N, C-alpha and C. Protein backbone atom coordinates (compact mmCIF):
# COMPACT_ATOMS: atom_id res chain seq x y z
N MET A 1 -77.51 70.90 153.00
CA MET A 1 -78.93 71.18 152.88
C MET A 1 -79.17 72.68 152.82
N GLU A 2 -79.70 73.13 151.73
CA GLU A 2 -80.02 74.40 151.57
C GLU A 2 -81.62 74.57 151.30
N ILE A 3 -82.18 75.06 152.50
CA ILE A 3 -83.63 75.20 152.45
C ILE A 3 -84.08 76.45 151.96
N SER A 4 -85.22 76.40 151.11
CA SER A 4 -85.64 77.54 150.63
C SER A 4 -87.35 77.63 150.85
N ILE A 5 -87.91 78.67 151.16
CA ILE A 5 -89.34 78.69 151.44
C ILE A 5 -89.98 79.78 150.32
N ARG A 6 -91.11 79.35 149.56
CA ARG A 6 -91.64 80.11 148.83
C ARG A 6 -93.23 79.95 148.84
N LYS A 7 -94.04 81.01 148.30
CA LYS A 7 -95.41 80.93 148.28
C LYS A 7 -95.79 79.67 147.30
N GLY A 8 -96.86 78.94 147.63
CA GLY A 8 -97.20 77.90 146.89
C GLY A 8 -98.11 78.22 145.49
N LEU A 9 -97.96 77.46 144.62
CA LEU A 9 -98.48 77.76 143.34
C LEU A 9 -99.51 76.65 142.99
N LYS A 10 -100.35 76.95 142.08
CA LYS A 10 -101.44 75.88 141.66
C LYS A 10 -100.66 74.61 141.33
N ALA A 11 -99.48 74.72 140.56
CA ALA A 11 -98.84 73.67 140.03
C ALA A 11 -98.32 72.61 141.23
N ASP A 12 -98.31 73.20 142.46
CA ASP A 12 -97.74 72.48 143.62
C ASP A 12 -98.81 71.72 144.44
N LEU A 13 -100.08 71.75 143.93
CA LEU A 13 -101.06 71.30 144.62
C LEU A 13 -101.10 69.82 144.87
N HIS A 14 -100.49 68.96 143.95
CA HIS A 14 -100.14 67.71 144.18
C HIS A 14 -99.39 67.23 145.19
N LEU A 15 -98.41 68.15 145.51
CA LEU A 15 -97.51 68.06 146.50
C LEU A 15 -98.25 68.28 148.00
N VAL A 16 -98.99 69.28 147.86
CA VAL A 16 -99.76 69.63 149.15
C VAL A 16 -100.81 68.40 149.57
N LEU A 17 -101.40 67.92 148.57
CA LEU A 17 -102.32 66.66 148.84
C LEU A 17 -101.55 65.62 149.38
N ASP A 18 -100.44 65.31 148.90
CA ASP A 18 -99.49 64.24 149.37
C ASP A 18 -99.14 64.53 150.89
N MET A 19 -98.80 65.76 151.19
CA MET A 19 -98.57 66.12 152.63
C MET A 19 -99.71 65.97 153.54
N ILE A 20 -100.87 66.38 153.03
CA ILE A 20 -102.16 66.26 153.80
C ILE A 20 -102.38 64.91 154.22
N GLN A 21 -102.19 64.02 153.07
CA GLN A 21 -102.32 62.55 153.40
C GLN A 21 -101.33 62.00 154.33
N GLU A 22 -100.04 62.42 154.23
CA GLU A 22 -98.94 62.03 155.18
C GLU A 22 -99.40 62.50 156.60
N LEU A 23 -99.86 63.71 156.75
CA LEU A 23 -100.13 64.19 158.04
C LEU A 23 -101.28 63.53 158.66
N ALA A 24 -102.34 63.15 157.75
CA ALA A 24 -103.54 62.40 158.31
C ALA A 24 -103.04 60.93 158.70
N ALA A 25 -102.24 60.29 158.02
CA ALA A 25 -101.68 59.10 158.54
C ALA A 25 -100.84 59.21 159.93
N TYR A 26 -100.01 60.23 159.94
CA TYR A 26 -99.36 60.50 161.33
C TYR A 26 -100.26 60.65 162.34
N GLU A 27 -101.35 61.34 162.24
CA GLU A 27 -102.49 61.60 163.14
C GLU A 27 -103.45 60.40 163.29
N LYS A 28 -103.14 59.32 162.59
CA LYS A 28 -103.91 58.08 162.67
C LYS A 28 -105.50 58.27 162.29
N ALA A 29 -105.47 59.11 161.12
CA ALA A 29 -106.84 59.30 160.56
C ALA A 29 -106.71 59.44 159.15
N PRO A 30 -106.29 58.55 158.42
CA PRO A 30 -106.04 58.67 156.98
C PRO A 30 -107.33 58.61 156.21
N GLN A 31 -108.34 57.97 156.69
CA GLN A 31 -109.61 57.84 156.10
C GLN A 31 -110.45 59.18 156.24
N GLU A 32 -109.95 60.21 157.06
CA GLU A 32 -110.68 61.41 157.16
C GLU A 32 -110.48 62.35 155.99
N VAL A 33 -109.39 61.99 155.25
CA VAL A 33 -109.03 62.93 154.07
C VAL A 33 -110.03 62.86 152.86
N THR A 34 -110.84 63.74 152.60
CA THR A 34 -111.76 63.60 151.58
C THR A 34 -111.58 64.70 150.44
N VAL A 35 -110.68 65.65 150.87
CA VAL A 35 -110.35 66.83 149.81
C VAL A 35 -109.85 66.17 148.62
N THR A 36 -110.09 66.70 147.51
CA THR A 36 -109.37 66.29 146.29
C THR A 36 -108.57 67.24 145.64
N LEU A 37 -107.64 66.88 144.74
CA LEU A 37 -106.96 67.84 143.99
C LEU A 37 -107.79 68.93 143.21
N ASN A 38 -108.77 68.52 142.67
CA ASN A 38 -109.87 69.37 142.08
C ASN A 38 -110.42 70.38 143.21
N ASP A 39 -110.71 69.87 144.33
CA ASP A 39 -111.15 70.76 145.35
C ASP A 39 -110.07 71.88 145.62
N LEU A 40 -108.91 71.26 145.87
CA LEU A 40 -107.76 72.29 146.32
C LEU A 40 -107.56 73.40 145.29
N GLU A 41 -107.57 72.83 143.97
CA GLU A 41 -107.50 73.93 142.85
C GLU A 41 -108.71 74.95 142.82
N LYS A 42 -109.73 74.40 142.87
CA LYS A 42 -111.06 75.43 142.96
C LYS A 42 -110.92 76.22 144.06
N ASP A 43 -110.70 75.73 145.30
CA ASP A 43 -110.81 76.49 146.56
C ASP A 43 -109.57 77.44 146.80
N GLY A 44 -108.43 77.10 146.17
CA GLY A 44 -107.35 77.93 146.48
C GLY A 44 -107.03 78.74 145.26
N PHE A 45 -107.43 78.49 144.12
CA PHE A 45 -107.05 79.19 143.05
C PHE A 45 -108.13 79.78 141.99
N GLY A 46 -109.44 79.58 142.63
CA GLY A 46 -110.66 80.11 142.03
C GLY A 46 -110.82 81.60 142.10
N GLU A 47 -111.97 81.94 141.87
CA GLU A 47 -112.31 83.50 141.87
C GLU A 47 -112.14 84.06 143.10
N ASN A 48 -112.47 83.31 144.29
CA ASN A 48 -112.28 83.75 145.74
C ASN A 48 -111.50 82.80 146.45
N PRO A 49 -110.16 82.83 146.28
CA PRO A 49 -109.28 81.89 147.03
C PRO A 49 -109.64 81.79 148.48
N LEU A 50 -109.67 80.56 148.99
CA LEU A 50 -109.94 80.39 150.41
C LEU A 50 -108.64 80.12 151.26
N PHE A 51 -107.73 79.81 150.65
CA PHE A 51 -106.39 79.49 151.48
C PHE A 51 -105.19 79.89 150.65
N GLU A 52 -104.01 79.88 151.41
CA GLU A 52 -102.76 80.02 150.76
C GLU A 52 -101.79 79.10 151.44
N PHE A 53 -100.55 78.99 150.78
CA PHE A 53 -99.74 78.06 151.54
C PHE A 53 -98.27 78.29 151.27
N PHE A 54 -97.32 78.04 152.07
CA PHE A 54 -95.82 78.09 151.72
C PHE A 54 -95.29 76.68 151.71
N LEU A 55 -94.44 76.53 150.82
CA LEU A 55 -93.58 75.27 150.67
C LEU A 55 -92.22 75.47 150.95
N ALA A 56 -91.59 74.41 151.61
CA ALA A 56 -90.19 74.51 151.99
C ALA A 56 -89.51 73.41 150.98
N PHE A 57 -88.38 73.81 150.46
CA PHE A 57 -87.68 72.86 149.57
C PHE A 57 -86.19 72.71 150.00
N ASP A 58 -85.77 71.51 149.85
CA ASP A 58 -84.30 71.18 149.88
C ASP A 58 -83.87 70.90 148.60
N GLY A 59 -83.31 72.04 147.91
CA GLY A 59 -82.94 71.83 146.60
C GLY A 59 -84.27 71.84 145.65
N ASP A 60 -84.48 70.75 145.01
CA ASP A 60 -85.73 70.69 144.25
C ASP A 60 -86.71 69.72 144.90
N THR A 61 -86.37 69.19 146.21
CA THR A 61 -87.28 68.08 146.83
C THR A 61 -88.15 69.01 147.86
N VAL A 62 -89.30 68.76 147.81
CA VAL A 62 -90.35 69.38 148.83
C VAL A 62 -89.99 68.70 150.14
N ALA A 63 -89.93 69.62 151.21
CA ALA A 63 -89.54 69.05 152.59
C ALA A 63 -90.67 69.38 153.43
N GLY A 64 -91.60 70.39 153.25
CA GLY A 64 -92.66 70.71 154.10
C GLY A 64 -93.64 71.78 153.45
N MET A 65 -94.72 72.00 154.32
CA MET A 65 -95.57 73.08 153.95
C MET A 65 -96.35 73.68 155.12
N ALA A 66 -96.76 74.93 155.07
CA ALA A 66 -97.47 75.62 156.00
C ALA A 66 -98.80 75.99 155.24
N PHE A 67 -100.09 75.68 155.79
CA PHE A 67 -101.27 75.77 154.94
C PHE A 67 -102.11 76.71 155.92
N TYR A 68 -102.39 77.84 155.36
CA TYR A 68 -103.21 78.83 156.31
C TYR A 68 -104.32 79.58 155.46
N PHE A 69 -105.30 80.18 156.13
CA PHE A 69 -106.23 81.01 155.45
C PHE A 69 -106.56 82.28 156.46
N PHE A 70 -107.46 83.21 155.85
CA PHE A 70 -107.61 84.42 156.48
C PHE A 70 -109.04 84.26 157.20
N SER A 71 -109.05 84.84 158.41
CA SER A 71 -110.26 84.73 159.23
C SER A 71 -110.46 86.08 159.78
N TYR A 72 -111.59 86.20 160.49
CA TYR A 72 -111.94 87.47 161.10
C TYR A 72 -112.68 87.22 162.47
N SER A 73 -112.23 87.89 163.37
CA SER A 73 -112.63 87.67 164.85
C SER A 73 -113.57 88.98 165.09
N THR A 74 -114.59 88.74 165.68
CA THR A 74 -115.51 89.73 166.11
C THR A 74 -114.87 90.82 167.23
N TRP A 75 -113.90 90.15 167.83
CA TRP A 75 -113.29 91.02 168.91
C TRP A 75 -111.81 91.61 168.59
N LYS A 76 -111.23 90.81 167.59
CA LYS A 76 -109.96 91.22 167.19
C LYS A 76 -109.76 91.86 165.72
N GLY A 77 -110.70 91.53 164.82
CA GLY A 77 -110.61 91.91 163.45
C GLY A 77 -109.98 90.86 162.61
N LYS A 78 -108.97 91.30 161.67
CA LYS A 78 -108.23 90.54 160.79
C LYS A 78 -107.38 89.52 161.46
N CYS A 79 -107.48 88.20 161.04
CA CYS A 79 -106.55 87.10 161.75
C CYS A 79 -106.11 86.13 160.51
N ILE A 80 -105.13 85.37 160.97
CA ILE A 80 -104.62 84.32 160.08
C ILE A 80 -104.68 83.11 160.96
N TYR A 81 -105.30 82.03 160.24
CA TYR A 81 -105.52 80.74 160.83
C TYR A 81 -104.53 79.75 160.24
N LEU A 82 -103.65 79.22 161.04
CA LEU A 82 -102.58 78.29 160.35
C LEU A 82 -103.16 76.96 160.55
N GLU A 83 -103.55 76.44 159.51
CA GLU A 83 -104.40 75.14 159.32
C GLU A 83 -103.48 74.00 159.75
N ASP A 84 -102.28 73.87 159.17
CA ASP A 84 -101.33 72.71 159.20
C ASP A 84 -99.85 73.30 158.92
N ILE A 85 -99.02 72.73 159.73
CA ILE A 85 -97.57 72.66 159.25
C ILE A 85 -97.26 71.25 159.17
N VAL A 86 -96.73 70.92 158.00
CA VAL A 86 -96.25 69.53 157.84
C VAL A 86 -94.84 69.60 157.41
N VAL A 87 -94.00 68.74 158.08
CA VAL A 87 -92.58 68.59 157.53
C VAL A 87 -92.62 67.03 157.26
N LYS A 88 -92.23 66.71 156.12
CA LYS A 88 -91.85 65.32 155.73
C LYS A 88 -90.93 64.62 156.71
N ASN A 89 -91.22 63.36 157.00
CA ASN A 89 -90.67 62.57 158.10
C ASN A 89 -89.04 62.70 157.89
N GLU A 90 -88.52 62.73 156.69
CA GLU A 90 -87.07 62.56 156.46
C GLU A 90 -86.35 63.92 156.73
N PHE A 91 -87.32 65.08 156.91
CA PHE A 91 -86.68 66.37 156.99
C PHE A 91 -86.95 66.82 158.32
N ARG A 92 -87.51 66.22 159.30
CA ARG A 92 -87.82 66.67 160.61
C ARG A 92 -86.50 66.77 161.49
N GLY A 93 -86.58 67.73 162.37
CA GLY A 93 -85.50 68.03 163.19
C GLY A 93 -84.41 68.95 162.48
N LYS A 94 -84.77 69.54 161.34
CA LYS A 94 -83.86 70.38 160.62
C LYS A 94 -84.08 71.87 160.57
N ASN A 95 -85.07 72.24 161.45
CA ASN A 95 -85.65 73.60 161.64
C ASN A 95 -86.45 74.05 160.36
N ILE A 96 -86.99 73.28 159.63
CA ILE A 96 -87.89 73.46 158.56
C ILE A 96 -89.22 73.89 159.11
N GLY A 97 -89.69 73.22 160.04
CA GLY A 97 -90.93 73.67 160.69
C GLY A 97 -90.89 75.23 161.06
N ARG A 98 -89.75 75.50 161.72
CA ARG A 98 -89.39 76.84 162.33
C ARG A 98 -89.68 77.93 161.10
N LEU A 99 -88.97 77.50 160.08
CA LEU A 99 -88.83 78.44 158.80
C LEU A 99 -90.24 78.53 158.34
N LEU A 100 -91.11 77.49 158.37
CA LEU A 100 -92.47 77.71 157.67
C LEU A 100 -93.31 78.57 158.69
N PHE A 101 -93.15 78.29 160.04
CA PHE A 101 -93.94 78.94 161.04
C PHE A 101 -93.58 80.44 160.99
N GLU A 102 -92.34 80.74 160.81
CA GLU A 102 -91.78 82.22 160.72
C GLU A 102 -92.32 82.84 159.54
N ALA A 103 -92.48 82.08 158.34
CA ALA A 103 -93.08 82.64 157.07
C ALA A 103 -94.52 83.05 157.25
N VAL A 104 -95.23 82.27 158.19
CA VAL A 104 -96.68 82.58 158.44
C VAL A 104 -96.74 83.74 159.34
N ILE A 105 -95.96 83.87 160.38
CA ILE A 105 -95.80 85.02 161.15
C ILE A 105 -95.53 86.22 160.23
N LEU A 106 -94.51 86.38 159.39
CA LEU A 106 -94.26 87.27 158.64
C LEU A 106 -95.36 87.69 157.67
N LYS A 107 -96.09 86.88 157.15
CA LYS A 107 -97.28 86.93 156.35
C LYS A 107 -98.40 87.62 157.15
N SER A 108 -98.48 87.15 158.50
CA SER A 108 -99.44 87.96 159.40
C SER A 108 -99.05 89.40 159.55
N LYS A 109 -97.84 89.61 159.88
CA LYS A 109 -97.20 90.92 159.98
C LYS A 109 -97.68 91.75 158.73
N GLU A 110 -97.39 91.23 157.64
CA GLU A 110 -97.53 91.93 156.29
C GLU A 110 -99.05 92.28 156.04
N TYR A 111 -99.81 91.26 156.48
CA TYR A 111 -101.25 91.39 156.38
C TYR A 111 -101.87 92.21 157.26
N GLY A 112 -101.19 92.62 158.47
CA GLY A 112 -101.90 93.48 159.50
C GLY A 112 -102.71 92.60 160.21
N ALA A 113 -102.47 91.44 160.47
CA ALA A 113 -103.24 90.59 161.28
C ALA A 113 -103.23 91.02 162.77
N ASN A 114 -104.36 90.75 163.54
CA ASN A 114 -104.35 91.16 165.02
C ASN A 114 -104.20 89.85 165.74
N ARG A 115 -104.29 88.82 165.08
CA ARG A 115 -103.95 87.50 165.84
C ARG A 115 -103.62 86.40 164.62
N MET A 116 -102.65 85.64 165.15
CA MET A 116 -102.54 84.30 164.39
C MET A 116 -102.83 83.11 165.19
N GLN A 117 -103.56 82.23 164.72
CA GLN A 117 -103.83 81.18 165.69
C GLN A 117 -103.89 79.68 164.96
N TRP A 118 -103.90 78.73 165.69
CA TRP A 118 -103.79 77.27 165.18
C TRP A 118 -104.22 76.31 166.35
N GLN A 119 -104.42 75.10 166.04
CA GLN A 119 -104.67 74.18 166.98
C GLN A 119 -103.73 73.16 167.00
N VAL A 120 -103.44 72.38 168.10
CA VAL A 120 -102.31 71.46 168.19
C VAL A 120 -103.11 70.25 168.99
N LEU A 121 -102.95 68.97 168.58
CA LEU A 121 -103.56 67.86 169.34
C LEU A 121 -102.85 67.81 170.71
N ASP A 122 -103.62 67.44 171.76
CA ASP A 122 -102.96 67.46 173.23
C ASP A 122 -102.03 66.19 173.35
N TRP A 123 -102.07 65.33 172.30
CA TRP A 123 -101.00 64.19 172.44
C TRP A 123 -99.83 64.49 171.67
N ASN A 124 -99.84 65.61 170.89
CA ASN A 124 -98.64 65.74 169.95
C ASN A 124 -97.60 66.56 170.71
N GLU A 125 -96.94 65.93 171.55
CA GLU A 125 -95.92 66.58 172.42
C GLU A 125 -94.72 67.12 171.61
N PRO A 126 -94.28 66.64 170.48
CA PRO A 126 -93.30 67.48 169.77
C PRO A 126 -93.77 68.80 169.24
N ALA A 127 -95.04 68.86 168.77
CA ALA A 127 -95.51 70.13 168.38
C ALA A 127 -95.81 71.01 169.43
N ILE A 128 -96.27 70.51 170.52
CA ILE A 128 -96.58 71.47 171.74
C ILE A 128 -95.21 72.04 172.08
N HIS A 129 -94.19 71.31 172.30
CA HIS A 129 -92.86 71.69 172.69
C HIS A 129 -92.43 72.82 171.50
N PHE A 130 -92.58 72.48 170.18
CA PHE A 130 -92.10 73.50 169.25
C PHE A 130 -92.84 74.83 169.30
N TYR A 131 -94.20 74.80 169.63
CA TYR A 131 -95.00 76.08 169.79
C TYR A 131 -94.53 76.66 170.93
N GLN A 132 -94.24 76.02 172.01
CA GLN A 132 -93.68 76.71 173.34
C GLN A 132 -92.37 77.51 173.06
N LYS A 133 -91.52 77.13 172.24
CA LYS A 133 -90.40 77.70 171.94
C LYS A 133 -90.55 79.16 171.52
N PHE A 134 -91.88 79.48 170.82
CA PHE A 134 -92.21 80.77 170.42
C PHE A 134 -92.88 81.47 171.54
N ASP A 135 -93.07 81.00 172.70
CA ASP A 135 -93.70 81.60 173.73
C ASP A 135 -95.25 81.78 173.35
N ALA A 136 -95.86 80.84 172.63
CA ALA A 136 -97.21 80.87 172.11
C ALA A 136 -98.13 80.51 173.27
N VAL A 137 -99.10 81.15 173.29
CA VAL A 137 -100.20 80.85 174.35
C VAL A 137 -100.97 79.58 173.79
N LEU A 138 -100.97 78.56 174.50
CA LEU A 138 -101.61 77.29 174.27
C LEU A 138 -102.90 77.28 175.34
N ASP A 139 -103.92 77.59 174.74
CA ASP A 139 -105.10 77.75 175.44
C ASP A 139 -105.94 76.60 175.50
N ASN A 140 -106.26 76.03 176.68
CA ASN A 140 -107.20 74.94 176.83
C ASN A 140 -108.42 75.07 177.36
N THR A 141 -108.85 76.36 177.24
CA THR A 141 -110.30 76.80 177.72
C THR A 141 -111.39 76.59 176.74
N TRP A 142 -111.13 76.64 175.53
CA TRP A 142 -112.06 76.59 174.41
C TRP A 142 -112.18 75.03 174.16
N ILE A 143 -113.36 74.74 173.64
CA ILE A 143 -113.77 73.39 173.35
C ILE A 143 -114.06 73.47 171.76
N ASN A 144 -113.53 72.63 170.93
CA ASN A 144 -113.81 72.68 169.46
C ASN A 144 -114.98 72.06 169.24
N GLY A 145 -115.85 72.73 168.42
CA GLY A 145 -117.17 72.20 167.85
C GLY A 145 -117.09 72.05 166.41
N LYS A 146 -117.86 71.10 165.91
CA LYS A 146 -117.96 71.06 164.41
C LYS A 146 -119.28 70.45 164.02
N LEU A 147 -119.68 70.50 162.79
CA LEU A 147 -120.67 69.80 162.16
C LEU A 147 -120.12 69.16 161.03
N THR A 148 -120.54 67.88 160.79
CA THR A 148 -119.90 67.19 159.61
C THR A 148 -120.75 67.54 158.29
N LYS A 149 -120.19 67.25 157.23
CA LYS A 149 -120.83 67.57 155.95
C LYS A 149 -122.31 66.86 155.85
N GLU A 150 -122.31 65.68 156.36
CA GLU A 150 -123.51 65.04 156.63
C GLU A 150 -124.58 65.50 157.37
N GLN A 151 -124.10 66.05 158.54
CA GLN A 151 -125.00 66.77 159.41
C GLN A 151 -125.55 68.09 158.88
N ILE A 152 -124.68 68.84 158.15
CA ILE A 152 -124.92 70.01 157.30
C ILE A 152 -126.09 69.82 156.41
N GLN A 153 -125.82 68.68 155.57
CA GLN A 153 -126.75 68.58 154.49
C GLN A 153 -128.06 68.02 155.10
N ASN A 154 -128.10 67.24 156.13
CA ASN A 154 -129.41 66.65 156.80
C ASN A 154 -130.02 67.75 157.69
N TYR A 155 -129.66 69.04 157.79
CA TYR A 155 -130.28 69.85 158.62
C TYR A 155 -131.54 70.41 157.83
N PRO A 156 -132.73 70.65 158.49
CA PRO A 156 -132.90 70.53 159.93
C PRO A 156 -133.04 69.02 160.43
N PHE A 157 -132.28 68.84 161.48
CA PHE A 157 -132.33 67.57 162.10
C PHE A 157 -133.68 67.01 162.43
N SER A 158 -133.92 65.76 162.22
CA SER A 158 -135.27 65.17 162.63
C SER A 158 -134.88 64.87 164.23
N SER A 159 -136.01 64.99 164.95
CA SER A 159 -135.86 64.65 166.39
C SER A 159 -137.00 63.59 166.80
């Protein structure tokens, strides 16, 4: 097995969407995926790209991806947010996640990021143990908040 990592291209977006759907199924939420191939193309390769990604390959076969975007902290400045690392089931346990994570660390270093951050589900023990190997700070003091598309569209809310 010869694993290579490279920056993702527009032509790779169908592979990305497949892995997003695979991740959603693993997290028991396949119905939550509403992003389309068109959305990914417009948002990742349009005039103002909103994300980038790395792909891992075993020869010509995609094995995984790391999907990230640039953010800004009022306290820290430039940051990179790692949205997802996905390693296809048949390639797990072969250090592909590590190679993808390291690619994002190196991108963060190249970018001059003051922080790299991500989330991990509290029940995802394999992922938690993976991040602990990097001496990552897993902070449970912050509560995640969100508004759905419907809530945003229906604002101001009627009371």
